[in-house]
Amino acid sequence: MTAPCERHIPGPGARAAARLGGRLPVLDTRRLQLRGPRIYDFDAYAGILCSDRAVHMGGPATRDAAWADFTNYTACWLLHGFGLWTIDASTTPSAGFALLGFEYEDPEPEMGIFLTPEVEGQGYAFEALEAVRSHAFDVLGWDSVVSYVAPENTRCIALMTRLGARRDAVAEAELTDQTHVYRHIKEAA
């Protein structure tokens, strides 16, 4: 079921939303474009969060919980100047999502990613996170960023290792669960 809040409502509000979205940073890689989320991206977002693909992110979620998550990360742009990007692959719009964002309990911003099943295994996660990490370091001026990873999420652990991130025992000690914290450090120039 599509809730009324998920539907595009043509008119001045939609045009204002498009103008705001057009001001968000777009990250272009060799095969991907990461752009601000639009309302019609939510179906792909919910498709991920409401499925078994979200098992390592506390899911599967209900559609309304997925909406709350989507709107939280979208609102991060207005509140913090960073947030959710929709990943468009050359043949697959809304192929997944990458983020620099906060959940309410997070002690610091997180860099994360989740993809639709159709594009998994093509190196998109690595390519997108390299772009997001560069944005965090080169545009936002951060020295580090963390990724929160469930201990049983071996694919994500392998990705974090490939990206050069290292587990941060001090940050893990601040959490109340067994989540692994992978820290990405800006290399000295």
C-alpha atoms as a PDB file:
ATOM      1  CA  MET A   1       0.000   0.000   0.000  1.00  0.00           C
ATOM      2  CA  THR A   2       1.217   3.465  -0.857  1.00  0.00           C
ATOM      3  CA  ALA A   3       0.505   5.983   1.883  1.00  0.00           C
ATOM      4  CA  PRO A   4      -0.572   9.496   0.900  1.00  0.00           C
ATOM      5  CA  CYS A   5       2.748  10.938   2.143  1.00  0.00           C
ATOM      6  CA  GLU A   6       4.612   8.783  -0.433  1.00  0.00           C
ATOM      7  CA  ARG A   7       2.840  10.288  -3.437  1.00  0.00           C
ATOM      8  CA  HIS A   8       4.110  13.167  -5.539  1.00  0.00           C
ATOM      9  CA  ILE A   9       1.766  16.150  -5.227  1.00  0.00           C
ATOM     10  CA  PRO A  10       2.198  18.437  -8.252  1.00  0.00           C
ATOM     11  CA  GLY A  11       2.210  22.155  -7.712  1.00  0.00           C
ATOM     12  CA  PRO A  12       4.214  24.874  -5.967  1.00  0.00           C
ATOM     13  CA  GLY A  13       5.319  22.572  -3.132  1.00  0.00           C
ATOM     14  CA  ALA A  14       6.725  19.997  -5.537  1.00  0.00           C
ATOM     15  CA  ARG A  15       8.553  22.720  -7.455  1.00  0.00           C
ATOM     16  CA  ALA A  16      10.025  24.087  -4.212  1.00  0.00           C
ATOM     17  CA  ALA A  17      11.145  20.566  -3.244  1.00  0.00           C
ATOM     18  CA  ALA A  18      12.784  20.119  -6.657  1.00  0.00           C
ATOM     19  CA  ARG A  19      14.651  23.428  -6.244  1.00  0.00           C
ATOM     20  CA  LEU A  20      15.886  22.402  -2.788  1.00  0.00           C
ATOM     21  CA  GLY A  21      16.916  18.971  -4.042  1.00  0.00           C
ATOM     22  CA  GLY A  22      18.787  20.594  -6.902  1.00  0.00           C
ATOM     23  CA  ARG A  23      21.002  22.396  -4.398  1.00  0.00           C
ATOM     24  CA  LEU A  24      22.265  19.159  -2.813  1.00  0.00           C
ATOM     25  CA  PRO A  25      25.715  17.977  -3.860  1.00  0.00           C
ATOM     26  CA  VAL A  26      25.832  15.480  -6.716  1.00  0.00           C
ATOM     27  CA  LEU A  27      28.721  13.010  -6.663  1.00  0.00           C
ATOM     28  CA  ASP A  28      29.717  11.558 -10.017  1.00  0.00           C
ATOM     29  CA  THR A  29      31.927   8.487 -10.293  1.00  0.00           C
ATOM     30  CA  ARG A  30      32.984   6.469 -13.305  1.00  0.00           C
ATOM     31  CA  ARG A  31      29.721   4.459 -13.342  1.00  0.00           C
ATOM     32  CA  LEU A  32      27.442   6.124 -10.810  1.00  0.00           C
ATOM     33  CA  GLN A  33      25.737   9.344  -9.940  1.00  0.00           C
ATOM     34  CA  LEU A  34      24.854   9.991  -6.300  1.00  0.00           C
ATOM     35  CA  ARG A  35      22.132  12.633  -6.024  1.00  0.00           C
ATOM     36  CA  GLY A  36      19.687  13.925  -3.471  1.00  0.00           C
ATOM     37  CA  PRO A  37      16.688  11.698  -2.768  1.00  0.00           C
ATOM     38  CA  ARG A  38      13.342  12.336  -4.408  1.00  0.00           C
ATOM     39  CA  ILE A  39       9.957  11.101  -3.321  1.00  0.00           C
ATOM     40  CA  TYR A  40       9.820   8.495  -6.062  1.00  0.00           C
ATOM     41  CA  ASP A  41      13.052   6.924  -4.703  1.00  0.00           C
ATOM     42  CA  PHE A  42      11.221   5.840  -1.576  1.00  0.00           C
ATOM     43  CA  ASP A  43       9.780   2.714  -3.159  1.00  0.00           C
ATOM     44  CA  ALA A  44      13.304   1.357  -3.785  1.00  0.00           C
ATOM     45  CA  TYR A  45      14.342   2.433  -0.268  1.00  0.00           C
ATOM     46  CA  ALA A  46      11.378   0.622   1.278  1.00  0.00           C
ATOM     47  CA  GLY A  47      12.064  -2.371  -0.950  1.00  0.00           C
ATOM     48  CA  ILE A  48      15.443  -2.698   0.747  1.00  0.00           C
ATOM     49  CA  LEU A  49      14.480  -1.850   4.331  1.00  0.00           C
ATOM     50  CA  CYS A  50      11.294  -3.930   4.347  1.00  0.00           C
ATOM     51  CA  SER A  51      13.072  -7.034   3.061  1.00  0.00           C
ATOM     52  CA  ASP A  52      15.523  -9.554   4.427  1.00  0.00           C
ATOM     53  CA  ARG A  53      18.265  -7.341   2.960  1.00  0.00           C
ATOM     54  CA  ALA A  54      17.823  -5.177   6.082  1.00  0.00           C
ATOM     55  CA  VAL A  55      18.506  -7.976   8.562  1.00  0.00           C
ATOM     56  CA  HIS A  56      21.846  -6.392   9.546  1.00  0.00           C
ATOM     57  CA  MET A  57      20.189  -2.981   9.956  1.00  0.00           C
ATOM     58  CA  GLY A  58      17.590  -4.028  12.512  1.00  0.00           C
ATOM     59  CA  GLY A  59      15.074  -5.112   9.860  1.00  0.00           C
ATOM     60  CA  PRO A  60      13.107  -6.067   8.058  1.00  0.00           C
ATOM     61  CA  ALA A  61      11.263  -2.860   8.833  1.00  0.00           C
ATOM     62  CA  THR A  62       7.640  -1.933   8.329  1.00  0.00           C
ATOM     63  CA  ARG A  63       6.923   0.470   5.487  1.00  0.00           C
ATOM     64  CA  ASP A  64       6.107   3.291   7.911  1.00  0.00           C
ATOM     65  CA  ALA A  65       9.404   2.683   9.776  1.00  0.00           C
ATOM     66  CA  ALA A  66      11.207   2.769   6.417  1.00  0.00           C
ATOM     67  CA  TRP A  67       9.470   6.098   5.696  1.00  0.00           C
ATOM     68  CA  ALA A  68      10.643   7.477   9.055  1.00  0.00           C
ATOM     69  CA  ASP A  69      14.205   6.355   8.256  1.00  0.00           C
ATOM     70  CA  PHE A  70      14.072   7.820   4.727  1.00  0.00           C
ATOM     71  CA  THR A  71      12.731  11.162   5.926  1.00  0.00           C
ATOM     72  CA  ASN A  72      15.264  11.281   8.794  1.00  0.00           C
ATOM     73  CA  TYR A  73      18.210  10.904   6.445  1.00  0.00           C
ATOM     74  CA  THR A  74      16.673  13.306   3.938  1.00  0.00           C
ATOM     75  CA  ALA A  75      16.140  15.898   6.706  1.00  0.00           C
ATOM     76  CA  CYS A  76      19.808  15.600   7.682  1.00  0.00           C
ATOM     77  CA  TRP A  77      20.569  17.745   4.630  1.00  0.00           C
ATOM     78  CA  LEU A  78      18.622  20.684   6.100  1.00  0.00           C
ATOM     79  CA  LEU A  79      19.790  20.123   9.657  1.00  0.00           C
ATOM     80  CA  HIS A  80      23.446  19.166   9.191  1.00  0.00           C
ATOM     81  CA  GLY A  81      24.460  19.757   5.568  1.00  0.00           C
ATOM     82  CA  PHE A  82      24.881  16.057   4.814  1.00  0.00           C
ATOM     83  CA  GLY A  83      22.477  13.171   4.404  1.00  0.00           C
ATOM     84  CA  LEU A  84      21.159  10.527   2.034  1.00  0.00           C
ATOM     85  CA  TRP A  85      22.127  10.142  -1.614  1.00  0.00           C
ATOM     86  CA  THR A  86      20.242   8.031  -4.120  1.00  0.00           C
ATOM     87  CA  ILE A  87      22.611   5.986  -6.280  1.00  0.00           C
ATOM     88  CA  ASP A  88      21.774   5.961  -9.959  1.00  0.00           C
ATOM     89  CA  ALA A  89      23.727   3.384 -11.961  1.00  0.00           C
ATOM     90  CA  SER A  90      23.927   3.739 -15.729  1.00  0.00           C
ATOM     91  CA  THR A  91      21.190   1.163 -16.302  1.00  0.00           C
ATOM     92  CA  THR A  92      19.429   1.246 -12.929  1.00  0.00           C
ATOM     93  CA  PRO A  93      17.945   4.389 -11.372  1.00  0.00           C
ATOM     94  CA  SER A  94      17.459   4.176  -7.604  1.00  0.00           C
ATOM     95  CA  ALA A  95      19.999   1.322  -7.477  1.00  0.00           C
ATOM     96  CA  GLY A  96      20.634   1.955  -3.815  1.00  0.00           C
ATOM     97  CA  PHE A  97      21.489   4.570  -1.246  1.00  0.00           C
ATOM     98  CA  ALA A  98      24.612   5.954   0.396  1.00  0.00           C
ATOM     99  CA  LEU A  99      24.691   8.287   3.327  1.00  0.00           C
ATOM    100  CA  LEU A 100      26.469  10.459   5.758  1.00  0.00           C
ATOM    101  CA  GLY A 101      23.835  10.581   8.433  1.00  0.00           C
ATOM    102  CA  PHE A 102      22.714  10.390  12.018  1.00  0.00           C
ATOM    103  CA  GLU A 103      20.300   8.067  13.686  1.00  0.00           C
ATOM    104  CA  TYR A 104      18.998   9.449  16.966  1.00  0.00           C
ATOM    105  CA  GLU A 105      21.289   7.296  19.129  1.00  0.00           C
ATOM    106  CA  ASP A 106      24.447   7.657  17.005  1.00  0.00           C
ATOM    107  CA  PRO A 107      27.359   9.283  18.839  1.00  0.00           C
ATOM    108  CA  GLU A 108      28.762  10.594  15.529  1.00  0.00           C
ATOM    109  CA  PRO A 109      27.773  10.709  11.860  1.00  0.00           C
ATOM    110  CA  GLU A 110      27.820   7.421   9.994  1.00  0.00           C
ATOM    111  CA  MET A 111      28.833   6.566   6.453  1.00  0.00           C
ATOM    112  CA  GLY A 112      26.626   3.775   5.162  1.00  0.00           C
ATOM    113  CA  ILE A 113      25.332   2.081   2.049  1.00  0.00           C
ATOM    114  CA  PHE A 114      22.639  -0.322   0.934  1.00  0.00           C
ATOM    115  CA  LEU A 115      21.868  -1.558  -2.550  1.00  0.00           C
ATOM    116  CA  THR A 116      19.004  -3.211  -4.371  1.00  0.00           C
ATOM    117  CA  PRO A 117      19.576  -6.910  -5.126  1.00  0.00           C
ATOM    118  CA  GLU A 118      19.757  -6.224  -8.885  1.00  0.00           C
ATOM    119  CA  VAL A 119      23.031  -4.291  -8.634  1.00  0.00           C
ATOM    120  CA  GLU A 120      24.820  -6.127  -5.853  1.00  0.00           C
ATOM    121  CA  GLY A 121      28.169  -7.696  -6.677  1.00  0.00           C
ATOM    122  CA  GLN A 122      29.209  -5.118  -9.297  1.00  0.00           C
ATOM    123  CA  GLY A 123      31.533  -3.007  -7.138  1.00  0.00           C
ATOM    124  CA  TYR A 124      29.017  -0.178  -6.794  1.00  0.00           C
ATOM    125  CA  ALA A 125      29.209  -0.118  -2.988  1.00  0.00           C
ATOM    126  CA  PHE A 126      32.968   0.437  -3.025  1.00  0.00           C
ATOM    127  CA  GLU A 127      32.736   3.072  -5.770  1.00  0.00           C
ATOM    128  CA  ALA A 128      29.918   4.968  -4.054  1.00  0.00           C
ATOM    129  CA  LEU A 129      31.527   4.921  -0.606  1.00  0.00           C
ATOM    130  CA  GLU A 130      34.830   6.178  -1.999  1.00  0.00           C
ATOM    131  CA  ALA A 131      32.921   9.187  -3.382  1.00  0.00           C
ATOM    132  CA  VAL A 132      31.015   9.744  -0.132  1.00  0.00           C
ATOM    133  CA  ARG A 133      34.181   9.471   1.954  1.00  0.00           C
ATOM    134  CA  SER A 134      35.968  11.952  -0.335  1.00  0.00           C
ATOM    135  CA  HIS A 135      33.037  14.335   0.096  1.00  0.00           C
ATOM    136  CA  ALA A 136      33.265  14.003   3.886  1.00  0.00           C
ATOM    137  CA  PHE A 137      37.001  14.684   3.882  1.00  0.00           C
ATOM    138  CA  ASP A 138      37.459  17.146   1.011  1.00  0.00           C
ATOM    139  CA  VAL A 139      34.226  19.155   1.129  1.00  0.00           C
ATOM    140  CA  LEU A 140      33.043  18.867   4.734  1.00  0.00           C
ATOM    141  CA  GLY A 141      36.577  18.960   6.154  1.00  0.00           C
ATOM    142  CA  TRP A 142      36.211  15.905   8.377  1.00  0.00           C
ATOM    143  CA  ASP A 143      39.287  13.996   9.540  1.00  0.00           C
ATOM    144  CA  SER A 144      37.411  10.740  10.025  1.00  0.00           C
ATOM    145  CA  VAL A 145      34.024   9.104   9.633  1.00  0.00           C
ATOM    146  CA  VAL A 146      32.641   5.856  11.035  1.00  0.00           C
ATOM    147  CA  SER A 147      30.589   3.002   9.650  1.00  0.00           C
ATOM    148  CA  TYR A 148      28.484   0.968  12.074  1.00  0.00           C
ATOM    149  CA  VAL A 149      28.461  -2.699  11.072  1.00  0.00           C
ATOM    150  CA  ALA A 150      26.663  -5.708  12.554  1.00  0.00           C
ATOM    151  CA  PRO A 151      29.267  -8.335  13.553  1.00  0.00           C
ATOM    152  CA  GLU A 152      27.607 -11.005  11.406  1.00  0.00           C
ATOM    153  CA  ASN A 153      27.578  -8.817   8.268  1.00  0.00           C
ATOM    154  CA  THR A 154      30.672 -10.368   6.708  1.00  0.00           C
ATOM    155  CA  ARG A 155      30.157  -8.751   3.296  1.00  0.00           C
ATOM    156  CA  CYS A 156      30.098  -5.275   4.821  1.00  0.00           C
ATOM    157  CA  ILE A 157      33.127  -6.089   6.987  1.00  0.00           C
ATOM    158  CA  ALA A 158      35.008  -7.127   3.837  1.00  0.00           C
ATOM    159  CA  LEU A 159      33.951  -3.867   2.153  1.00  0.00           C
ATOM    160  CA  MET A 160      35.137  -1.769   5.111  1.00  0.00           C
ATOM    161  CA  THR A 161      38.471  -3.590   5.092  1.00  0.00           C
ATOM    162  CA  ARG A 162      38.824  -3.050   1.341  1.00  0.00           C
ATOM    163  CA  LEU A 163      38.147   0.663   1.895  1.00  0.00           C
ATOM    164  CA  GLY A 164      40.999   0.739   4.439  1.00  0.00           C
ATOM    165  CA  ALA A 165      38.810   1.327   7.510  1.00  0.00           C
ATOM    166  CA  ARG A 166      39.906  -0.111  10.851  1.00  0.00           C
ATOM    167  CA  ARG A 167      37.887  -1.152  13.874  1.00  0.00           C
ATOM    168  CA  ASP A 168      37.764   1.494  16.591  1.00  0.00           C
ATOM    169  CA  ALA A 169      37.664  -0.137  20.035  1.00  0.00           C
ATOM    170  CA  VAL A 170      37.169   3.186  21.826  1.00  0.00           C
ATOM    171  CA  ALA A 171      34.099   4.042  19.727  1.00  0.00           C
ATOM    172  CA  GLU A 172      32.755   0.494  20.131  1.00  0.00           C
ATOM    173  CA  ALA A 173      33.034   0.787  23.933  1.00  0.00           C
ATOM    174  CA  GLU A 174      30.632   3.767  23.826  1.00  0.00           C
ATOM    175  CA  LEU A 175      27.879   1.639  22.257  1.00  0.00           C
ATOM    176  CA  THR A 176      25.445  -0.500  24.214  1.00  0.00           C
ATOM    177  CA  ASP A 177      25.428  -3.435  21.790  1.00  0.00           C
ATOM    178  CA  GLN A 178      27.943  -5.535  19.870  1.00  0.00           C
ATOM    179  CA  THR A 179      28.056  -3.296  16.785  1.00  0.00           C
ATOM    180  CA  HIS A 180      31.458  -2.983  15.167  1.00  0.00           C
ATOM    181  CA  VAL A 181      32.666   0.528  14.470  1.00  0.00           C
ATOM    182  CA  TYR A 182      34.906   0.924  11.433  1.00  0.00           C
ATOM    183  CA  ARG A 183      36.775   4.218  11.273  1.00  0.00           C
ATOM    184  CA  HIS A 184      37.829   5.771   7.988  1.00  0.00           C
ATOM    185  CA  ILE A 185      40.735   8.174   8.505  1.00  0.00           C
ATOM    186  CA  LYS A 186      41.678  10.997   6.153  1.00  0.00           C
ATOM    187  CA  GLU A 187      45.137  10.388   4.774  1.00  0.00           C
ATOM    188  CA  ALA A 188      47.704  13.106   5.415  1.00  0.00           C
ATOM    189  CA  ALA A 189      48.398  15.200   2.353  1.00  0.00           C
END
